[in-house]
Every structure is written in C-alpha cells, then in structure tokens.
Amino acid sequence: MLQISEQKYGDIYIITLQNDDLILKTTNFGCNIISLYTKDKNNIFGDIVLGFDSIDDYKNQDKYIGAIVGRCANRISNASFSLNNKEYKLAKNNGPNHLHGGINGFDKKIFKYKILDNGVEFFYLSKSDEEGYPGNLKLKVSYILNENSIFINYDAVSDEDTIINLTNHTYFNLFGKCCDINNHFLKINSDYFGEIDENGLATGRLLKVDDTPFDFRKFREIGNGLSCDNSQIKIGQGYDHPFLLVDEKNQIELWEKISSRRMIISTSMPCVQLYTANYLDGTIRGKGGWYYNARDGVCLETQCFPNSINNGVSDVILRKNTEYNKATSWTFDILNK
C-alpha cells in the first residue's frame, strides 16, 4: 500500500512516497530526489542518495545533486549547435561548453505537480529561447513506485523542432552512510565507452572497453578502476564517461557488499554517463553535516549520447509536435555473494 504525503515550504513542496520496500522524498524544485531509503541485508532502512537538509541548499547548489537536468544533459561543444541550417547559441557554463541545460536549467525550475495513485507527476513549460533552445517545450516527469522499483518517465512535446536529452543526476551511495564508493561493484552491459577531451566533452569517438578500466561487463570494483594508470581516467579525474548500452533491460547493476544492497537499472536510453563525483571537493555541506568529497557518490545518468548533435547523430532531435518518451527504472534488492 503506497502512502503519499506533502509538506509546503513557501512555493516549494516536498512529496514523500512510501511503501513496504522504499521511501522516496522528492520536490517540485528541479524534480530533485531528496532521499531514497531502501533496506539492507538486516532489513534496516538507510538513505542511499546524497542530498541536503534544506530546500535553500538545493537552490544554491551547482552540482545537480538529485536533480532532473535538461533541456540537454551533459556537455554541448562550444555551447552551440545547428538545426535545420540555423545555428543556436547556448550559455557557456562549463569552460567553452554548455552543460546540463545552462545557467538556469531544469534543475533550477519550479514544476507544477499532480499526485497519482502510484506516484507523482511534475509539469513544466520551457518557453522558446529559454537558455537558447528553440521551441515551447511541454515537459512531464513522473516518479512511480511499484514494490521495490522506481520508474522514471520522461514525456515532452515541442511546437518547433528542438533538441532534448533528459537525465536524473542522483548521486548514489548504497552503503547509506558517510564513506566513499570505492568498494561498490558496478556492472554495465557495454562494449564501448566514449572518449572525452580535456574539458570533459564527448568527442564522438567510441573506444573498446577491452583490457581497460572501463570494462564493466562483469562486476568490477569502482575503486580498482580509479587507481589504474589510464589517460582517460586522468583526464576525467575519475570516471566521467558515457557508455553505449547493450540489451533492452537490466543493463546496469550497482552492488555494495557490506550492506548487500543492489540496484538494477533498466532504461530505454541508449547510453549511461558514469560519474564518480570527481568535482565534489569537501566544501559542500550535505545531509547531517557530511561535507561531500570526490568519490562520496556515484551517478549513473541514463541519457542519449552526449554532444551527439555536434557529432553527426540525430537521436536528440525532437521534431515539431512529435512526442518524446523515455523511461528508466531502478530496482533494489539484496545480493549476497
């Protein structure tokens, strides 16, 4: 039986969804996931996501912790793209590039919302030329709870041709307490990862994972890969790379051996960005006074391939009056090995 409650903080609401397996706290500010409680091997609930103790902290952060990001997740080269023979200029908010929708992307917007029988739907109208993007975009994001799974659905439509690439930027730590994620084990069904340049931008070149720290086709300890002498690990200051996914479901697994918590990710997206919180530097005060450092969380951002609009791939183009529908699910269980 799903229980749903709401709390008001000015024009911001916190919505709590709870069943026997999961407790999810979210907000209409940036569709942020504030807390996510799951059970460990001893049947004890623990919060497995990074976040903050106050709404003001979410408003002031610049690390996208827990947020929906868009219109386009990840980096766009030179903060520009061409569509229908017209060039569009975007905000440069990451060196020479555009990152996660710009200066005031979806992570900074107040969404309208509606409570459902099994979750919550968030709505936002992104007006034409917002952050430089064409088209009035009607966006809907839903979080649905079903037993031990969370389903994230993205739906959108635009009155002009535009580009869109949405993702959720939650930082996970399955141990549920203050520690790094080096001893988390990760599996990604992927034969290729994307090369990045010195600015973290996807170049469009795909590299084989064979014999590299990017080979997660079997469970691999994240810290083991981070300690490898690899030029791409050095450039990214850790993992900050896209992986081209194989299969149609259960493409990603994250497992923490002490708690035995496992997360299984299925997605309709073609790619996942693995990010090991490389730019958390101990200056951000999180929940319970925990100052977040690099490696304190791991992001698994399902999305279309980053910068594909400038790399000859059209999967981020949304044509006028055509529906955009993408989905990702997180399923949680216990894995003893």
Protein backbone atom coordinates (compact mmCIF):
# COMPACT_ATOMS: atom_id res chain seq x y z
CA MET A 1 0.00 0.00 0.00
CA LEU A 2 1.51 3.31 -1.11
CA GLN A 3 1.32 6.22 1.32
CA ILE A 4 1.78 9.77 -0.02
CA SER A 5 2.25 12.96 1.99
CA GLU A 6 3.08 16.59 1.15
CA GLN A 7 4.89 19.36 3.02
CA LYS A 8 4.91 23.02 1.93
CA TYR A 9 7.93 25.35 2.16
CA GLY A 10 6.81 28.62 0.57
CA ASP A 11 6.25 27.84 -3.10
CA ILE A 12 8.17 24.55 -2.81
CA TYR A 13 6.66 21.22 -1.87
CA ILE A 14 8.28 18.03 -0.61
CA ILE A 15 6.37 14.89 -1.57
CA THR A 16 7.01 11.62 0.25
CA LEU A 17 6.11 8.30 -1.38
CA GLN A 18 6.35 5.25 0.87
CA ASN A 19 5.56 1.55 0.59
CA ASP A 20 6.88 -1.53 2.36
CA ASP A 21 10.12 -1.54 0.36
CA LEU A 22 11.01 2.07 -0.41
CA ILE A 23 10.71 5.61 0.93
CA LEU A 24 11.22 8.32 -1.70
CA LYS A 25 11.29 12.03 -0.89
CA THR A 26 11.17 14.39 -3.85
CA THR A 27 10.33 18.02 -4.53
CA ASN A 28 8.81 20.15 -7.26
CA PHE A 29 12.01 22.22 -7.29
CA GLY A 30 14.03 20.66 -10.09
CA CYS A 31 12.26 17.31 -9.51
CA ASN A 32 15.07 16.69 -7.02
CA ILE A 33 15.25 13.32 -5.30
CA ILE A 34 15.98 14.36 -1.73
CA SER A 35 16.09 10.97 0.00
CA LEU A 36 15.72 7.36 -1.01
CA TYR A 37 15.51 4.76 1.74
CA THR A 38 15.98 1.07 0.95
CA LYS A 39 16.58 -1.98 3.15
CA ASP A 40 19.94 -3.60 3.77
CA LYS A 41 20.63 -7.30 4.42
CA ASN A 42 19.44 -6.84 8.02
CA ASN A 43 16.14 -5.38 6.81
CA ILE A 44 17.13 -1.91 8.09
CA PHE A 45 16.23 1.16 6.05
CA GLY A 46 19.03 3.51 5.03
CA ASP A 47 19.19 6.63 2.86
CA ILE A 48 21.26 5.77 -0.22
CA VAL A 49 21.43 9.14 -2.02
CA LEU A 50 23.39 12.33 -1.41
CA GLY A 51 21.43 15.48 -0.70
CA PHE A 52 20.80 18.41 1.61
CA ASP A 53 18.88 19.21 4.78
CA SER A 54 17.17 22.34 3.43
CA ILE A 55 15.44 23.48 0.24
CA ASP A 56 17.68 26.58 0.16
CA ASP A 57 20.70 24.30 -0.23
CA TYR A 58 19.12 22.76 -3.33
CA LYS A 59 18.50 26.22 -4.74
CA ASN A 60 22.11 27.30 -4.14
CA GLN A 61 23.96 24.15 -5.23
CA ASP A 62 25.81 23.85 -8.54
CA LYS A 63 26.49 20.09 -8.57
CA TYR A 64 23.00 18.98 -9.72
CA ILE A 65 22.67 16.65 -6.74
CA GLY A 66 19.40 14.71 -7.16
CA ALA A 67 18.00 16.88 -9.96
CA ILE A 68 16.46 16.39 -13.36
CA VAL A 69 18.74 18.14 -15.85
CA GLY A 70 17.89 19.50 -19.30
CA ARG A 71 16.92 20.50 -21.88
CA CYS A 72 20.13 18.71 -22.73
CA ALA A 73 22.12 16.75 -20.21
CA ASN A 74 25.91 16.68 -20.38
CA ARG A 75 28.13 18.95 -22.48
CA ILE A 76 27.49 20.55 -25.86
CA SER A 77 30.64 21.68 -27.66
CA ASN A 78 31.25 25.41 -27.98
CA ALA A 79 27.80 25.98 -26.47
CA SER A 80 26.21 25.85 -29.91
CA PHE A 81 24.51 23.56 -32.39
CA SER A 82 22.94 23.71 -35.84
CA LEU A 83 19.41 22.56 -36.59
CA ASN A 84 17.60 22.99 -39.90
CA ASN A 85 20.53 25.06 -41.18
CA LYS A 86 20.24 27.53 -38.32
CA GLU A 87 22.85 27.96 -35.60
CA TYR A 88 21.74 28.26 -31.98
CA LYS A 89 23.91 29.80 -29.28
CA LEU A 90 23.64 28.44 -25.72
CA ALA A 91 25.09 29.59 -22.41
CA LYS A 92 28.74 28.75 -21.80
CA ASN A 93 28.63 27.47 -18.24
CA ASN A 94 31.38 24.82 -18.35
CA GLY A 95 34.54 26.30 -19.84
CA PRO A 96 33.89 26.72 -23.58
CA ASN A 97 30.92 24.34 -23.44
CA HIS A 98 27.29 24.21 -22.42
CA LEU A 99 26.46 21.86 -19.53
CA HIS A 100 23.21 20.33 -18.26
CA GLY A 101 20.82 22.83 -19.80
CA GLY A 102 22.67 26.03 -18.98
CA ILE A 103 22.79 28.59 -16.19
CA ASN A 104 19.16 28.11 -15.19
CA GLY A 105 18.31 24.67 -16.49
CA PHE A 106 15.52 22.38 -15.38
CA ASP A 107 17.37 21.74 -12.10
CA LYS A 108 16.54 25.35 -11.10
CA LYS A 109 12.87 25.40 -12.16
CA ILE A 110 9.74 25.12 -10.04
CA PHE A 111 7.48 22.45 -11.51
CA LYS A 112 3.74 22.09 -11.13
CA TYR A 113 2.76 18.64 -9.95
CA LYS A 114 -0.07 16.17 -9.55
CA ILE A 115 -0.33 13.29 -7.09
CA LEU A 116 -1.12 9.93 -8.69
CA ASP A 117 -2.35 6.70 -7.13
CA ASN A 118 1.13 5.23 -7.55
CA GLY A 119 3.43 8.26 -7.60
CA VAL A 120 3.75 11.88 -8.67
CA GLU A 121 3.84 13.76 -11.99
CA PHE A 122 5.75 17.01 -12.48
CA PHE A 123 5.00 19.52 -15.25
CA TYR A 124 6.96 22.41 -16.72
CA LEU A 125 6.66 24.64 -19.80
CA SER A 126 10.07 25.58 -21.12
CA LYS A 127 9.47 28.61 -23.34
CA SER A 128 11.14 29.10 -26.68
CA ASP A 129 14.65 30.59 -26.41
CA GLU A 130 14.98 29.60 -22.74
CA GLU A 131 18.73 29.10 -22.33
CA GLY A 132 18.92 29.46 -26.13
CA TYR A 133 16.85 26.40 -27.09
CA PRO A 134 14.15 26.71 -29.77
CA GLY A 135 10.52 25.72 -29.29
CA ASN A 136 7.99 25.87 -26.48
CA LEU A 137 8.57 22.53 -24.79
CA LYS A 138 5.91 20.93 -22.61
CA LEU A 139 7.65 18.58 -20.20
CA LYS A 140 6.30 15.91 -17.88
CA VAL A 141 8.43 13.87 -15.45
CA SER A 142 6.91 11.15 -13.28
CA TYR A 143 8.22 9.09 -10.38
CA ILE A 144 6.25 5.88 -9.91
CA LEU A 145 6.70 3.40 -7.04
CA ASN A 146 5.86 -0.27 -7.55
CA GLU A 147 7.04 -2.63 -4.81
CA ASN A 148 10.87 -2.43 -4.82
CA SER A 149 11.16 -0.40 -8.04
CA ILE A 150 11.07 3.27 -9.01
CA PHE A 151 10.05 4.15 -12.56
CA ILE A 152 11.12 7.50 -14.01
CA ASN A 153 9.17 8.51 -17.10
CA TYR A 154 10.01 11.48 -19.33
CA ASP A 155 7.43 12.86 -21.78
CA ALA A 156 7.72 16.02 -23.85
CA VAL A 157 6.41 17.76 -26.96
CA SER A 158 7.56 20.95 -28.70
CA ASP A 159 5.87 23.34 -31.12
CA GLU A 160 9.16 23.70 -33.05
CA ASP A 161 11.98 21.36 -33.95
CA THR A 162 14.37 21.34 -30.99
CA ILE A 163 16.83 19.11 -29.14
CA ILE A 164 16.30 17.31 -25.85
CA ASN A 165 18.32 14.91 -23.71
CA LEU A 166 17.00 14.45 -20.18
CA THR A 167 18.51 12.58 -17.26
CA ASN A 168 18.36 12.26 -13.49
CA HIS A 169 21.52 13.34 -11.66
CA THR A 170 21.18 11.47 -8.37
CA TYR A 171 24.40 10.55 -6.54
CA PHE A 172 24.14 7.06 -5.04
CA ASN A 173 25.96 5.55 -2.08
CA LEU A 174 24.45 2.15 -1.34
CA PHE A 175 26.25 1.83 1.99
CA GLY A 176 23.91 4.51 3.27
CA LYS A 177 26.46 6.27 5.46
CA CYS A 178 29.38 8.68 5.14
CA CYS A 179 32.03 6.87 3.09
CA ASP A 180 33.37 6.73 -0.44
CA ILE A 181 32.07 4.42 -3.16
CA ASN A 182 35.41 2.79 -3.98
CA ASN A 183 34.23 -0.60 -2.72
CA HIS A 184 31.00 -0.50 -4.71
CA PHE A 185 30.88 -3.04 -7.53
CA LEU A 186 29.49 -1.99 -10.90
CA LYS A 187 28.37 -3.91 -13.97
CA ILE A 188 27.48 -2.21 -17.27
CA ASN A 189 26.42 -4.14 -20.36
CA SER A 190 28.58 -2.13 -22.73
CA ASP A 191 31.32 -2.91 -25.23
CA TYR A 192 32.19 0.72 -25.95
CA PHE A 193 32.70 3.92 -23.97
CA GLY A 194 33.01 7.47 -25.22
CA GLU A 195 36.32 9.31 -25.31
CA ILE A 196 36.38 12.73 -23.62
CA ASP A 197 38.69 15.68 -24.13
CA GLU A 198 40.44 17.85 -21.53
CA ASN A 199 37.16 19.71 -20.87
CA GLY A 200 35.16 16.54 -20.24
CA LEU A 201 33.44 16.82 -23.62
CA ALA A 202 32.50 13.66 -25.51
CA THR A 203 34.49 13.76 -28.76
CA GLY A 204 32.20 11.30 -30.54
CA ARG A 205 34.91 8.67 -30.72
CA LEU A 206 33.95 5.27 -29.31
CA LEU A 207 36.64 3.15 -27.65
CA LYS A 208 36.51 -0.57 -26.89
CA VAL A 209 36.34 -1.42 -23.22
CA ASP A 210 38.55 -4.50 -23.68
CA ASP A 211 41.60 -4.50 -21.41
CA THR A 212 40.78 -1.11 -19.90
CA PRO A 213 39.40 0.08 -16.54
CA PHE A 214 36.18 0.78 -18.48
CA ASP A 215 35.37 -2.92 -18.84
CA PHE A 216 32.36 -3.39 -16.55
CA ARG A 217 30.86 -6.33 -18.44
CA LYS A 218 31.43 -8.29 -15.24
CA PHE A 219 31.23 -6.83 -11.73
CA ARG A 220 34.23 -4.58 -11.18
CA GLU A 221 35.14 -2.69 -8.02
CA ILE A 222 34.94 1.00 -8.86
CA GLY A 223 37.98 1.92 -6.78
CA ASN A 224 40.06 -0.63 -8.67
CA GLY A 225 39.41 1.17 -11.94
CA LEU A 226 40.01 4.59 -10.43
CA SER A 227 43.51 3.55 -9.37
CA CYS A 228 44.50 2.42 -12.88
CA ASP A 229 47.11 4.28 -14.92
CA ASN A 230 44.84 5.26 -17.79
CA SER A 231 44.89 8.52 -19.76
CA GLN A 232 41.08 8.81 -19.89
CA ILE A 233 40.80 8.29 -16.11
CA LYS A 234 43.40 11.01 -15.62
CA ILE A 235 41.66 13.45 -17.98
CA GLY A 236 38.31 12.93 -16.25
CA GLN A 237 39.87 12.91 -12.75
CA GLY A 238 37.98 9.63 -12.44
CA TYR A 239 35.05 8.25 -14.36
CA ASP A 240 33.06 10.90 -16.22
CA HIS A 241 32.32 8.96 -19.39
CA PRO A 242 29.40 7.74 -21.49
CA PHE A 243 28.88 4.05 -22.16
CA LEU A 244 26.93 2.75 -25.13
CA LEU A 245 24.45 0.24 -23.74
CA VAL A 246 23.69 -3.27 -24.96
CA ASP A 247 20.36 -5.06 -24.38
CA GLU A 248 16.97 -3.54 -23.61
CA LYS A 249 16.71 -4.04 -19.85
CA ASN A 250 18.81 -4.71 -16.75
CA GLN A 251 21.75 -3.03 -18.46
CA ILE A 252 23.37 -1.71 -15.27
CA GLU A 253 23.92 -3.10 -11.75
CA LEU A 254 25.45 -1.41 -8.71
CA TRP A 255 26.23 -3.50 -5.61
CA GLU A 256 27.69 -2.67 -2.19
CA LYS A 257 28.99 -5.76 -0.38
CA ILE A 258 28.72 -4.65 3.28
CA SER A 259 25.04 -3.74 3.15
CA SER A 260 24.42 -6.24 0.31
CA ARG A 261 22.21 -3.62 -1.36
CA ARG A 262 21.96 -3.91 -5.13
CA MET A 263 20.41 -1.52 -7.64
CA ILE A 264 19.44 -2.79 -11.10
CA ILE A 265 18.85 -0.18 -13.81
CA SER A 266 16.78 -0.70 -16.94
CA THR A 267 16.39 2.08 -19.47
CA SER A 268 15.10 2.94 -22.93
CA MET A 269 18.02 5.37 -23.24
CA PRO A 270 20.95 4.28 -25.44
CA CYS A 271 23.68 5.42 -23.07
CA VAL A 272 24.68 5.90 -19.43
CA GLN A 273 27.11 8.50 -18.10
CA LEU A 274 29.20 7.07 -15.27
CA TYR A 275 30.37 9.87 -12.97
CA THR A 276 32.28 9.30 -9.72
CA ALA A 277 31.62 12.72 -8.17
CA ASN A 278 35.04 13.93 -9.26
CA TYR A 279 34.26 17.62 -8.66
CA LEU A 280 32.94 17.35 -5.12
CA ASP A 281 35.75 18.94 -3.10
CA GLY A 282 34.73 18.93 0.55
CA THR A 283 33.22 22.43 0.51
CA ILE A 284 29.55 21.40 0.13
CA ARG A 285 27.75 20.59 3.38
CA GLY A 286 25.27 17.80 2.84
CA LYS A 287 22.87 15.81 5.00
CA GLY A 288 23.69 15.60 8.67
CA GLY A 289 26.78 17.81 8.31
CA TRP A 290 28.54 15.45 5.87
CA TYR A 291 30.86 17.53 3.68
CA TYR A 292 30.87 15.83 0.30
CA ASN A 293 34.16 14.84 -1.28
CA ALA A 294 35.09 13.22 -4.57
CA ARG A 295 34.01 9.54 -4.65
CA ASP A 296 31.34 10.02 -1.96
CA GLY A 297 28.68 9.12 -4.53
CA VAL A 298 28.32 7.68 -8.00
CA CYS A 299 25.97 8.94 -10.72
CA LEU A 300 24.52 6.62 -13.35
CA GLU A 301 22.90 9.10 -15.71
CA THR A 302 20.89 7.32 -18.39
CA GLN A 303 20.62 9.53 -21.46
CA CYS A 304 21.26 9.88 -25.17
CA PHE A 305 24.89 10.08 -26.18
CA PRO A 306 26.34 13.45 -25.08
CA ASN A 307 27.13 16.10 -27.68
CA SER A 308 25.61 13.86 -30.35
CA ILE A 309 24.01 16.86 -32.06
CA ASN A 310 27.54 18.00 -32.98
CA ASN A 311 28.88 14.51 -33.67
CA GLY A 312 26.62 13.55 -36.56
CA VAL A 313 23.96 11.69 -34.55
CA SER A 314 20.35 12.90 -34.56
CA ASP A 315 18.90 10.99 -31.59
CA VAL A 316 18.50 14.18 -29.52
CA ILE A 317 16.44 15.96 -32.18
CA LEU A 318 12.76 16.28 -31.29
CA ARG A 319 10.64 17.20 -34.28
CA LYS A 320 7.72 19.59 -34.03
CA ASN A 321 4.59 18.04 -32.46
CA THR A 322 6.34 14.66 -32.09
CA GLU A 323 6.23 13.02 -28.67
CA TYR A 324 9.39 12.37 -26.68
CA ASN A 325 9.01 9.32 -24.44
CA LYS A 326 11.88 7.84 -22.43
CA ALA A 327 11.95 5.74 -19.28
CA THR A 328 14.39 4.44 -16.67
CA SER A 329 13.73 2.15 -13.73
CA TRP A 330 15.68 1.48 -10.55
CA THR A 331 15.04 -1.83 -8.80
CA PHE A 332 16.51 -2.59 -5.38
CA ASP A 333 17.18 -5.96 -3.77
CA ILE A 334 19.74 -7.83 -1.67
CA LEU A 335 22.63 -9.67 -3.27
CA ASN A 336 24.71 -11.94 -1.04
CA LYS A 337 27.95 -13.22 -2.56
